[in-house]
Amino acid sequence: MAVSRALRRLLRIRDLEEEQCRLALESAVSELHGLEQALASMGERNRQGRRLIESSARSGELPDRLSGIEEIHTAARYAAVLVPRIAEVQLEVAALRQAFIMKRVERRQAETLIQETEAKDAIETGRRDQQGLDDWYRNRMHREEQMAKSAEIAHANSEENSHRPLPAELERDSAETQD
C-alpha cells in the first residue's frame, strides 16, 4: 500500500501549520522581551531620577530635584502600564507555545504514519522479491531434475538399444539356433 497523495498533502499542511505557529510564538516572545527590556529601562530611569534628587540635595538646584521627581513618577507610571501587559503577553506566549507543541505533535504523527507505511511497503516489496527469487530457484532446481531424469532415461535407452540386437541380427541368431 503506497503512501497516498492525501497523506502527503496532510503532512505538508501540518508542516505549514507548525511553521505558522512557530512564527507566531517567535513574534510573541520577541514582544515579551521588548516589554521586559522596557520595564528594565524604566527601572534605570527611576534610578536616574533618584540620583538627580540626591545630587540636587547636595547642590541645592531645584530644577534638578523637580526633574528627578518627574523621572521617578514617569518611570512608575510606565511600569504600572508595562507590568500587566507583560503578564498578558506571558499568557499569550504560553498559549502559543502549547499550540506550537500540539502542531509539532500532529506533524510528527503524520510523518510517523508515512514512515510506517513506507517501511511496510519496503518489507512487502522485499518479501515479494525474495519470493520471486525462491520461485525462480525452485523452478531451476525442478528443471535441472527433469533434465537429469531425461538424460538418465536417454542414457538408459541408449544402453538398452546398444545391447538389443538389431532385427537382422535376430534373424541370423535364430537361423544359427535352428541349425
Protein backbone atom coordinates (compact mmCIF):
# COMPACT_ATOMS: atom_id res chain seq x y z
CA MET A 1 0.00 0.00 0.00
CA ALA A 2 1.76 3.11 -1.21
CA VAL A 3 1.61 6.37 0.68
CA SER A 4 -1.38 8.25 -0.68
CA ARG A 5 -1.25 11.78 -2.01
CA ALA A 6 -3.79 12.80 0.61
CA LEU A 7 -1.47 11.65 3.38
CA ARG A 8 1.45 13.55 1.87
CA ARG A 9 -0.78 16.61 1.49
CA LEU A 10 -1.78 16.26 5.14
CA LEU A 11 1.88 16.20 6.13
CA ARG A 12 2.53 19.33 4.09
CA ILE A 13 -0.43 21.11 5.72
CA ARG A 14 0.74 20.06 9.19
CA ASP A 15 4.21 21.35 8.34
CA LEU A 16 2.81 24.73 7.26
CA GLU A 17 0.61 24.98 10.36
CA GLU A 18 3.59 24.21 12.57
CA GLU A 19 5.63 26.87 10.79
CA GLN A 20 2.87 29.47 11.31
CA CYS A 21 2.62 28.60 14.99
CA ARG A 22 6.39 28.83 15.33
CA LEU A 23 6.44 32.28 13.73
CA ALA A 24 3.58 33.49 15.96
CA LEU A 25 5.42 32.16 19.00
CA GLU A 26 8.67 33.84 17.99
CA SER A 27 6.81 37.12 17.45
CA ALA A 28 5.14 36.93 20.88
CA VAL A 29 8.43 36.00 22.58
CA SER A 30 10.08 38.94 20.83
CA GLU A 31 7.31 41.25 22.06
CA LEU A 32 7.70 39.87 25.58
CA HIS A 33 11.45 40.52 25.53
CA GLY A 34 10.81 44.06 24.27
CA LEU A 35 8.36 44.72 27.11
CA GLU A 36 10.77 43.26 29.67
CA GLN A 37 13.56 45.47 28.32
CA ALA A 38 11.22 48.49 28.51
CA LEU A 39 10.45 47.61 32.15
CA ALA A 40 14.17 47.29 32.86
CA SER A 41 14.78 50.71 31.25
CA MET A 42 12.02 52.16 33.47
CA GLY A 43 13.91 50.79 36.47
CA GLU A 44 17.02 52.53 35.19
CA ARG A 45 15.01 55.75 34.65
CA ASN A 46 13.78 55.50 38.25
CA ARG A 47 17.37 55.16 39.49
CA GLN A 48 18.46 58.17 37.40
CA GLY A 49 15.64 60.22 38.93
CA ARG A 50 16.81 59.26 42.44
CA ARG A 51 20.39 60.21 41.56
CA LEU A 52 19.16 63.59 40.31
CA ILE A 53 17.29 64.20 43.57
CA GLU A 54 20.35 63.17 45.55
CA SER A 55 22.67 65.43 43.55
CA SER A 56 20.24 68.36 43.82
CA ALA A 57 20.10 67.87 47.59
CA ARG A 58 23.86 68.45 47.69
CA SER A 59 23.92 71.24 45.16
CA GLY A 60 20.62 72.87 46.06
CA GLU A 61 19.43 73.02 42.45
CA LEU A 62 15.64 73.00 42.45
CA PRO A 63 15.20 72.18 38.71
CA ASP A 64 17.28 69.03 39.15
CA ARG A 65 15.16 67.99 42.10
CA LEU A 66 11.92 68.58 40.16
CA SER A 67 13.35 66.77 37.14
CA GLY A 68 14.33 63.79 39.33
CA ILE A 69 10.87 63.64 40.93
CA GLU A 70 9.25 63.72 37.48
CA GLU A 71 11.57 60.96 36.24
CA ILE A 72 10.55 58.77 39.19
CA HIS A 73 6.82 59.41 38.61
CA THR A 74 7.13 58.79 34.86
CA ALA A 75 9.02 55.53 35.43
CA ALA A 76 6.36 54.41 37.94
CA ARG A 77 3.52 55.22 35.51
CA TYR A 78 5.21 53.33 32.65
CA ALA A 79 5.96 50.39 34.96
CA ALA A 80 2.30 50.35 36.08
CA VAL A 81 1.28 50.00 32.43
CA LEU A 82 4.04 47.55 31.48
CA VAL A 83 3.60 45.01 34.30
CA PRO A 84 0.01 43.98 33.38
CA ARG A 85 0.90 43.99 29.67
CA ILE A 86 3.88 41.71 30.37
CA ALA A 87 1.57 39.35 32.28
CA GLU A 88 -0.85 39.28 29.31
CA VAL A 89 1.94 38.60 26.83
CA GLN A 90 3.35 35.84 29.07
CA LEU A 91 -0.07 34.12 28.99
CA GLU A 92 -0.21 34.60 25.22
CA VAL A 93 3.30 33.14 24.86
CA ALA A 94 2.31 30.13 26.98
CA ALA A 95 -0.81 29.55 24.84
CA LEU A 96 1.17 29.93 21.60
CA ARG A 97 3.87 27.59 22.89
CA GLN A 98 1.20 24.99 23.68
CA ALA A 99 -0.36 25.42 20.22
CA PHE A 100 3.08 25.09 18.63
CA ILE A 101 3.78 21.89 20.55
CA MET A 102 0.41 20.45 19.51
CA LYS A 103 1.06 21.27 15.84
CA ARG A 104 4.50 19.70 16.10
CA VAL A 105 2.95 16.55 17.56
CA GLU A 106 0.39 16.44 14.75
CA ARG A 107 3.12 16.84 12.12
CA ARG A 108 5.24 14.14 13.71
CA GLN A 109 2.24 11.80 13.84
CA ALA A 110 1.71 12.30 10.11
CA GLU A 111 5.45 11.74 9.49
CA THR A 112 5.37 8.58 11.58
CA LEU A 113 2.34 7.30 9.69
CA ILE A 114 4.07 7.91 6.36
CA GLN A 115 7.31 6.31 7.57
CA GLU A 116 5.45 3.25 8.84
CA THR A 117 3.59 2.91 5.54
CA GLU A 118 6.83 3.25 3.58
CA ALA A 119 8.54 0.70 5.86
CA LYS A 120 5.65 -1.76 5.36
CA ASP A 121 5.85 -1.17 1.61
CA ALA A 122 9.59 -1.82 1.66
CA ILE A 123 9.13 -5.01 3.67
CA GLU A 124 6.37 -6.20 1.33
CA THR A 125 8.49 -5.40 -1.72
CA GLY A 126 11.42 -7.28 -0.21
CA ARG A 127 9.17 -10.19 0.61
CA ARG A 128 7.80 -10.30 -2.97
CA ASP A 129 11.29 -10.04 -4.42
CA GLN A 130 12.52 -12.86 -2.19
CA GLN A 131 9.50 -14.97 -3.11
CA GLY A 132 10.26 -14.38 -6.79
CA LEU A 133 13.86 -15.48 -6.25
CA ASP A 134 12.71 -18.52 -4.31
CA ASP A 135 10.28 -19.48 -7.09
CA TRP A 136 12.96 -18.99 -9.72
CA TYR A 137 15.40 -21.17 -7.76
CA ARG A 138 12.75 -23.84 -7.17
CA ASN A 139 11.86 -23.86 -10.88
CA ARG A 140 15.53 -24.02 -11.77
CA MET A 141 16.05 -26.99 -9.45
CA HIS A 142 12.96 -28.67 -10.91
CA ARG A 143 14.21 -28.08 -14.47
CA GLU A 144 17.63 -29.48 -13.56
CA GLU A 145 15.99 -32.56 -12.01
CA GLN A 146 13.83 -33.03 -15.11
CA MET A 147 16.86 -32.63 -17.35
CA ALA A 148 18.81 -35.15 -15.23
CA LYS A 149 15.94 -37.64 -15.41
CA SER A 150 15.64 -37.10 -19.17
CA ALA A 151 19.38 -37.61 -19.57
CA GLU A 152 19.23 -40.71 -17.39
CA ILE A 153 16.34 -42.12 -19.41
CA ALA A 154 18.11 -41.28 -22.66
CA HIS A 155 21.28 -42.92 -21.37
CA ALA A 156 19.35 -46.00 -20.24
CA ASN A 157 17.59 -46.19 -23.61
CA SER A 158 20.86 -45.84 -25.46
CA GLU A 159 22.42 -48.63 -23.33
CA GLU A 160 19.38 -50.81 -23.83
CA ASN A 161 19.46 -50.19 -27.55
CA SER A 162 23.17 -50.99 -27.74
CA HIS A 163 22.61 -54.39 -26.05
CA ARG A 164 19.48 -55.17 -28.01
CA PRO A 165 20.15 -56.98 -31.27
CA LEU A 166 19.01 -55.36 -34.44
CA PRO A 167 16.33 -57.18 -36.48
CA ALA A 168 18.94 -58.53 -38.94
CA GLU A 169 20.96 -59.92 -36.08
CA LEU A 170 17.85 -61.55 -34.66
CA GLU A 171 17.22 -63.39 -37.89
CA ARG A 172 20.82 -64.53 -38.03
CA ASP A 173 20.74 -65.66 -34.43
CA SER A 174 17.50 -67.56 -34.94
CA ALA A 175 18.93 -69.22 -38.05
CA GLU A 176 22.01 -70.30 -36.17
CA THR A 177 20.00 -71.80 -33.35
CA GLN A 178 17.91 -73.81 -35.77
CA ASP A 179 20.92 -75.32 -37.44
